[in-house]
Amino acid sequence: DKLPHAQSLCIHEMIARAYKHILQAVIASVNVVEDFARSIATCLNFLLGTSTVEEDSKLKQKWIETFIFKRFGWRWNEECCQNLRKFSILRGVRLPQGGT
């Protein structure tokens, strides 16, 4: 709590890792090569976009909460996660895949 910047970096890293695992599952489920780009775009829109459908937001949050708790033992905190920077999360998902 005394190092909010470091805490923010850790939260962003945990969320980026969760998104990466979800994206990898989506990629693994694609059977037709022509659907590959559409599936990735749809997944990223779902994870990083803003939804007007309340059920989508709750589902996305539940996926992330579950992954982060099981993987890191950290409980999702609405207060900590209100100021998430989506570009930072996208960069965290992209860079380990070999992008620059």
N, C-alpha and C. Protein backbone atom coordinates (compact mmCIF):
# COMPACT_ATOMS: atom_id res chain seq x y z
N ASP A 1 0.81 -1.20 0.00
CA ASP A 1 0.00 0.00 0.00
C ASP A 1 0.85 1.27 0.00
N LYS A 2 2.09 1.16 0.49
CA LYS A 2 2.94 2.34 0.56
C LYS A 2 3.64 2.64 -0.76
N LEU A 3 3.58 1.70 -1.69
CA LEU A 3 4.20 1.89 -3.00
C LEU A 3 3.13 1.73 -4.09
N PRO A 4 2.28 2.73 -4.28
CA PRO A 4 1.16 2.57 -5.22
C PRO A 4 1.60 2.34 -6.65
N HIS A 5 2.73 2.91 -7.06
CA HIS A 5 3.19 2.71 -8.43
C HIS A 5 3.61 1.25 -8.65
N ALA A 6 4.34 0.70 -7.70
CA ALA A 6 4.75 -0.70 -7.81
C ALA A 6 3.53 -1.63 -7.75
N GLN A 7 2.58 -1.29 -6.92
CA GLN A 7 1.36 -2.08 -6.83
C GLN A 7 0.60 -2.05 -8.16
N SER A 8 0.53 -0.88 -8.78
CA SER A 8 -0.15 -0.74 -10.07
C SER A 8 0.55 -1.57 -11.14
N LEU A 9 1.86 -1.57 -11.15
CA LEU A 9 2.61 -2.38 -12.13
C LEU A 9 2.32 -3.87 -11.94
N CYS A 10 2.28 -4.31 -10.70
CA CYS A 10 2.00 -5.72 -10.41
C CYS A 10 0.59 -6.10 -10.85
N ILE A 11 -0.38 -5.24 -10.57
CA ILE A 11 -1.76 -5.52 -10.97
C ILE A 11 -1.87 -5.59 -12.48
N HIS A 12 -1.24 -4.65 -13.18
CA HIS A 12 -1.28 -4.67 -14.64
C HIS A 12 -0.62 -5.93 -15.20
N GLU A 13 0.46 -6.35 -14.58
CA GLU A 13 1.15 -7.57 -15.04
C GLU A 13 0.28 -8.80 -14.81
N MET A 14 -0.38 -8.89 -13.67
CA MET A 14 -1.26 -10.04 -13.40
C MET A 14 -2.42 -10.08 -14.40
N ILE A 15 -3.00 -8.93 -14.69
CA ILE A 15 -4.11 -8.89 -15.63
C ILE A 15 -3.64 -9.20 -17.03
N ALA A 16 -2.47 -8.70 -17.43
CA ALA A 16 -1.93 -9.01 -18.75
C ALA A 16 -1.69 -10.51 -18.90
N ARG A 17 -1.18 -11.14 -17.87
CA ARG A 17 -0.96 -12.60 -17.92
C ARG A 17 -2.28 -13.35 -18.02
N ALA A 18 -3.28 -12.88 -17.29
CA ALA A 18 -4.60 -13.52 -17.37
C ALA A 18 -5.17 -13.37 -18.78
N TYR A 19 -5.08 -12.19 -19.35
CA TYR A 19 -5.58 -11.96 -20.71
C TYR A 19 -4.82 -12.83 -21.72
N LYS A 20 -3.52 -12.96 -21.51
CA LYS A 20 -2.71 -13.77 -22.43
C LYS A 20 -3.15 -15.22 -22.39
N HIS A 21 -3.46 -15.74 -21.22
CA HIS A 21 -3.93 -17.13 -21.11
C HIS A 21 -5.29 -17.30 -21.78
N ILE A 22 -6.16 -16.33 -21.60
CA ILE A 22 -7.47 -16.40 -22.25
C ILE A 22 -7.29 -16.34 -23.76
N LEU A 23 -6.44 -15.44 -24.23
CA LEU A 23 -6.19 -15.31 -25.67
C LEU A 23 -5.58 -16.59 -26.25
N GLN A 24 -4.67 -17.20 -25.52
CA GLN A 24 -4.08 -18.46 -25.98
C GLN A 24 -5.13 -19.55 -26.09
N ALA A 25 -6.08 -19.59 -25.17
CA ALA A 25 -7.17 -20.57 -25.24
C ALA A 25 -8.04 -20.32 -26.47
N VAL A 26 -8.30 -19.06 -26.76
CA VAL A 26 -9.09 -18.72 -27.95
C VAL A 26 -8.34 -19.14 -29.21
N ILE A 27 -7.06 -18.86 -29.28
CA ILE A 27 -6.25 -19.22 -30.44
C ILE A 27 -6.23 -20.74 -30.63
N ALA A 28 -6.09 -21.47 -29.53
CA ALA A 28 -6.06 -22.93 -29.61
C ALA A 28 -7.39 -23.52 -30.08
N SER A 29 -8.47 -22.79 -29.86
CA SER A 29 -9.79 -23.32 -30.23
C SER A 29 -10.17 -23.03 -31.68
N VAL A 30 -9.38 -22.22 -32.38
CA VAL A 30 -9.70 -21.89 -33.77
C VAL A 30 -9.31 -23.06 -34.67
N ASN A 31 -10.30 -23.56 -35.41
CA ASN A 31 -10.06 -24.69 -36.30
C ASN A 31 -9.86 -24.28 -37.75
N VAL A 32 -10.44 -23.17 -38.15
CA VAL A 32 -10.37 -22.72 -39.53
C VAL A 32 -9.45 -21.50 -39.60
N VAL A 33 -8.43 -21.57 -40.45
CA VAL A 33 -7.44 -20.51 -40.55
C VAL A 33 -8.08 -19.17 -40.88
N GLU A 34 -9.13 -19.17 -41.69
CA GLU A 34 -9.79 -17.93 -42.07
C GLU A 34 -10.44 -17.24 -40.88
N ASP A 35 -10.75 -17.96 -39.81
CA ASP A 35 -11.38 -17.39 -38.62
C ASP A 35 -10.37 -16.90 -37.58
N PHE A 36 -9.10 -17.11 -37.85
CA PHE A 36 -8.05 -16.80 -36.88
C PHE A 36 -8.04 -15.32 -36.50
N ALA A 37 -7.93 -14.43 -37.48
CA ALA A 37 -7.85 -12.99 -37.20
C ALA A 37 -9.12 -12.49 -36.54
N ARG A 38 -10.26 -12.95 -37.02
CA ARG A 38 -11.54 -12.52 -36.45
C ARG A 38 -11.66 -12.96 -35.00
N SER A 39 -11.20 -14.17 -34.70
CA SER A 39 -11.28 -14.67 -33.32
C SER A 39 -10.39 -13.86 -32.38
N ILE A 40 -9.20 -13.53 -32.82
CA ILE A 40 -8.29 -12.73 -32.00
C ILE A 40 -8.86 -11.33 -31.78
N ALA A 41 -9.37 -10.71 -32.84
CA ALA A 41 -9.94 -9.37 -32.72
C ALA A 41 -11.14 -9.37 -31.79
N THR A 42 -12.00 -10.37 -31.92
CA THR A 42 -13.18 -10.46 -31.06
C THR A 42 -12.77 -10.63 -29.60
N CYS A 43 -11.79 -11.47 -29.36
CA CYS A 43 -11.32 -11.70 -27.99
C CYS A 43 -10.73 -10.42 -27.39
N LEU A 44 -9.89 -9.73 -28.16
CA LEU A 44 -9.29 -8.49 -27.65
C LEU A 44 -10.34 -7.41 -27.44
N ASN A 45 -11.32 -7.33 -28.33
CA ASN A 45 -12.41 -6.37 -28.13
C ASN A 45 -13.18 -6.68 -26.86
N PHE A 46 -13.41 -7.95 -26.62
CA PHE A 46 -14.12 -8.34 -25.41
C PHE A 46 -13.31 -8.00 -24.16
N LEU A 47 -12.02 -8.32 -24.18
CA LEU A 47 -11.19 -8.12 -23.00
C LEU A 47 -10.85 -6.66 -22.75
N LEU A 48 -10.56 -5.91 -23.81
CA LEU A 48 -10.07 -4.55 -23.65
C LEU A 48 -11.11 -3.47 -23.96
N GLY A 49 -12.17 -3.86 -24.62
CA GLY A 49 -13.20 -2.89 -24.98
C GLY A 49 -14.14 -2.61 -23.83
N THR A 50 -14.98 -1.63 -24.04
CA THR A 50 -16.01 -1.33 -23.06
C THR A 50 -17.32 -1.88 -23.59
N SER A 51 -18.02 -2.57 -22.76
CA SER A 51 -19.26 -3.21 -23.16
C SER A 51 -20.45 -2.50 -22.55
N THR A 52 -21.50 -2.40 -23.34
CA THR A 52 -22.73 -1.83 -22.82
C THR A 52 -23.60 -2.92 -22.20
N VAL A 53 -23.21 -4.17 -22.43
CA VAL A 53 -23.95 -5.30 -21.88
C VAL A 53 -23.34 -5.65 -20.52
N GLU A 54 -24.13 -5.50 -19.48
CA GLU A 54 -23.65 -5.74 -18.11
C GLU A 54 -23.16 -7.16 -17.91
N GLU A 55 -23.80 -8.13 -18.56
CA GLU A 55 -23.42 -9.54 -18.41
C GLU A 55 -22.01 -9.79 -18.93
N ASP A 56 -21.63 -9.13 -20.04
CA ASP A 56 -20.28 -9.28 -20.59
C ASP A 56 -19.24 -8.78 -19.61
N SER A 57 -19.50 -7.63 -19.01
CA SER A 57 -18.55 -7.06 -18.05
C SER A 57 -18.39 -7.96 -16.84
N LYS A 58 -19.50 -8.51 -16.36
CA LYS A 58 -19.43 -9.40 -15.21
C LYS A 58 -18.69 -10.69 -15.54
N LEU A 59 -18.93 -11.24 -16.73
CA LEU A 59 -18.24 -12.45 -17.16
C LEU A 59 -16.74 -12.22 -17.27
N LYS A 60 -16.36 -11.11 -17.91
CA LYS A 60 -14.94 -10.78 -18.05
C LYS A 60 -14.29 -10.62 -16.68
N GLN A 61 -14.93 -9.91 -15.79
CA GLN A 61 -14.38 -9.70 -14.46
C GLN A 61 -14.25 -11.03 -13.71
N LYS A 62 -15.23 -11.90 -13.85
CA LYS A 62 -15.19 -13.20 -13.17
C LYS A 62 -14.03 -14.04 -13.68
N TRP A 63 -13.81 -14.04 -15.00
CA TRP A 63 -12.67 -14.78 -15.56
C TRP A 63 -11.36 -14.28 -14.98
N ILE A 64 -11.20 -12.97 -14.96
CA ILE A 64 -9.95 -12.37 -14.48
C ILE A 64 -9.79 -12.62 -12.99
N GLU A 65 -10.85 -12.42 -12.21
CA GLU A 65 -10.78 -12.68 -10.77
C GLU A 65 -10.35 -14.11 -10.48
N THR A 66 -10.96 -15.06 -11.17
CA THR A 66 -10.67 -16.47 -10.95
C THR A 66 -9.23 -16.79 -11.29
N PHE A 67 -8.77 -16.34 -12.46
CA PHE A 67 -7.40 -16.62 -12.88
C PHE A 67 -6.39 -16.02 -11.91
N ILE A 68 -6.59 -14.75 -11.57
CA ILE A 68 -5.62 -14.06 -10.70
C ILE A 68 -5.59 -14.70 -9.32
N PHE A 69 -6.74 -15.09 -8.80
CA PHE A 69 -6.74 -15.71 -7.48
C PHE A 69 -6.05 -17.07 -7.51
N LYS A 70 -6.37 -17.88 -8.51
CA LYS A 70 -5.77 -19.22 -8.57
C LYS A 70 -4.28 -19.16 -8.88
N ARG A 71 -3.88 -18.23 -9.72
CA ARG A 71 -2.47 -18.16 -10.13
C ARG A 71 -1.60 -17.43 -9.12
N PHE A 72 -2.11 -16.32 -8.59
CA PHE A 72 -1.28 -15.45 -7.74
C PHE A 72 -1.76 -15.35 -6.30
N GLY A 73 -2.95 -15.87 -6.00
CA GLY A 73 -3.49 -15.79 -4.65
C GLY A 73 -3.90 -14.38 -4.26
N TRP A 74 -4.20 -13.54 -5.24
CA TRP A 74 -4.57 -12.15 -4.98
C TRP A 74 -6.04 -11.97 -5.28
N ARG A 75 -6.74 -11.33 -4.38
CA ARG A 75 -8.17 -11.07 -4.57
C ARG A 75 -8.37 -9.75 -5.31
N TRP A 76 -9.25 -9.80 -6.29
CA TRP A 76 -9.62 -8.62 -7.07
C TRP A 76 -10.17 -7.55 -6.15
N ASN A 77 -9.70 -6.35 -6.31
CA ASN A 77 -10.13 -5.24 -5.48
C ASN A 77 -10.60 -4.13 -6.41
N GLU A 78 -11.88 -3.82 -6.36
CA GLU A 78 -12.45 -2.78 -7.24
C GLU A 78 -11.69 -1.46 -7.11
N GLU A 79 -11.31 -1.11 -5.91
CA GLU A 79 -10.61 0.15 -5.68
C GLU A 79 -9.28 0.20 -6.41
N CYS A 80 -8.55 -0.91 -6.40
CA CYS A 80 -7.24 -0.97 -7.05
C CYS A 80 -7.37 -1.01 -8.57
N CYS A 81 -8.47 -1.52 -9.06
CA CYS A 81 -8.59 -1.79 -10.48
C CYS A 81 -9.46 -0.80 -11.24
N GLN A 82 -9.74 0.32 -10.65
CA GLN A 82 -10.57 1.31 -11.34
C GLN A 82 -9.79 2.09 -12.39
N ASN A 83 -8.51 2.22 -12.22
CA ASN A 83 -7.70 3.03 -13.13
C ASN A 83 -6.78 2.17 -13.99
N LEU A 84 -7.30 1.09 -14.51
CA LEU A 84 -6.48 0.23 -15.36
C LEU A 84 -6.18 0.92 -16.68
N ARG A 85 -4.96 0.79 -17.13
CA ARG A 85 -4.55 1.37 -18.40
C ARG A 85 -4.53 0.26 -19.44
N LYS A 86 -5.50 0.30 -20.33
CA LYS A 86 -5.68 -0.77 -21.30
C LYS A 86 -4.51 -0.89 -22.26
N PHE A 87 -3.87 0.22 -22.60
CA PHE A 87 -2.70 0.15 -23.48
C PHE A 87 -1.55 -0.58 -22.80
N SER A 88 -1.40 -0.37 -21.51
CA SER A 88 -0.35 -1.08 -20.77
C SER A 88 -0.63 -2.58 -20.73
N ILE A 89 -1.89 -2.92 -20.56
CA ILE A 89 -2.26 -4.34 -20.54
C ILE A 89 -2.04 -4.95 -21.91
N LEU A 90 -2.45 -4.24 -22.97
CA LEU A 90 -2.25 -4.74 -24.33
C LEU A 90 -0.76 -4.92 -24.63
N ARG A 91 0.05 -3.99 -24.19
CA ARG A 91 1.50 -4.11 -24.38
C ARG A 91 2.04 -5.32 -23.62
N GLY A 92 1.52 -5.57 -22.43
CA GLY A 92 1.94 -6.74 -21.67
C GLY A 92 1.54 -8.03 -22.33
N VAL A 93 0.42 -8.04 -23.01
CA VAL A 93 -0.02 -9.23 -23.74
C VAL A 93 0.83 -9.40 -25.00
N ARG A 94 1.17 -8.32 -25.67
CA ARG A 94 1.84 -8.36 -26.95
C ARG A 94 3.35 -8.61 -26.85
N LEU A 95 4.04 -7.93 -25.98
CA LEU A 95 5.50 -7.98 -25.96
C LEU A 95 6.07 -9.39 -25.73
N PRO A 96 5.56 -10.16 -24.79
CA PRO A 96 6.13 -11.49 -24.60
C PRO A 96 5.91 -12.42 -25.79
N GLN A 97 5.06 -12.03 -26.72
CA GLN A 97 4.80 -12.85 -27.90
C GLN A 97 5.82 -12.61 -29.00
N GLY A 98 6.79 -11.72 -28.76
CA GLY A 98 7.84 -11.48 -29.74
C GLY A 98 7.68 -10.16 -30.46
N GLY A 99 6.68 -9.35 -30.13
CA GLY A 99 6.50 -8.06 -30.78
C GLY A 99 7.41 -7.01 -30.18
N THR A 100 7.55 -5.88 -30.86
CA THR A 100 8.38 -4.79 -30.33
C THR A 100 7.55 -3.58 -30.09
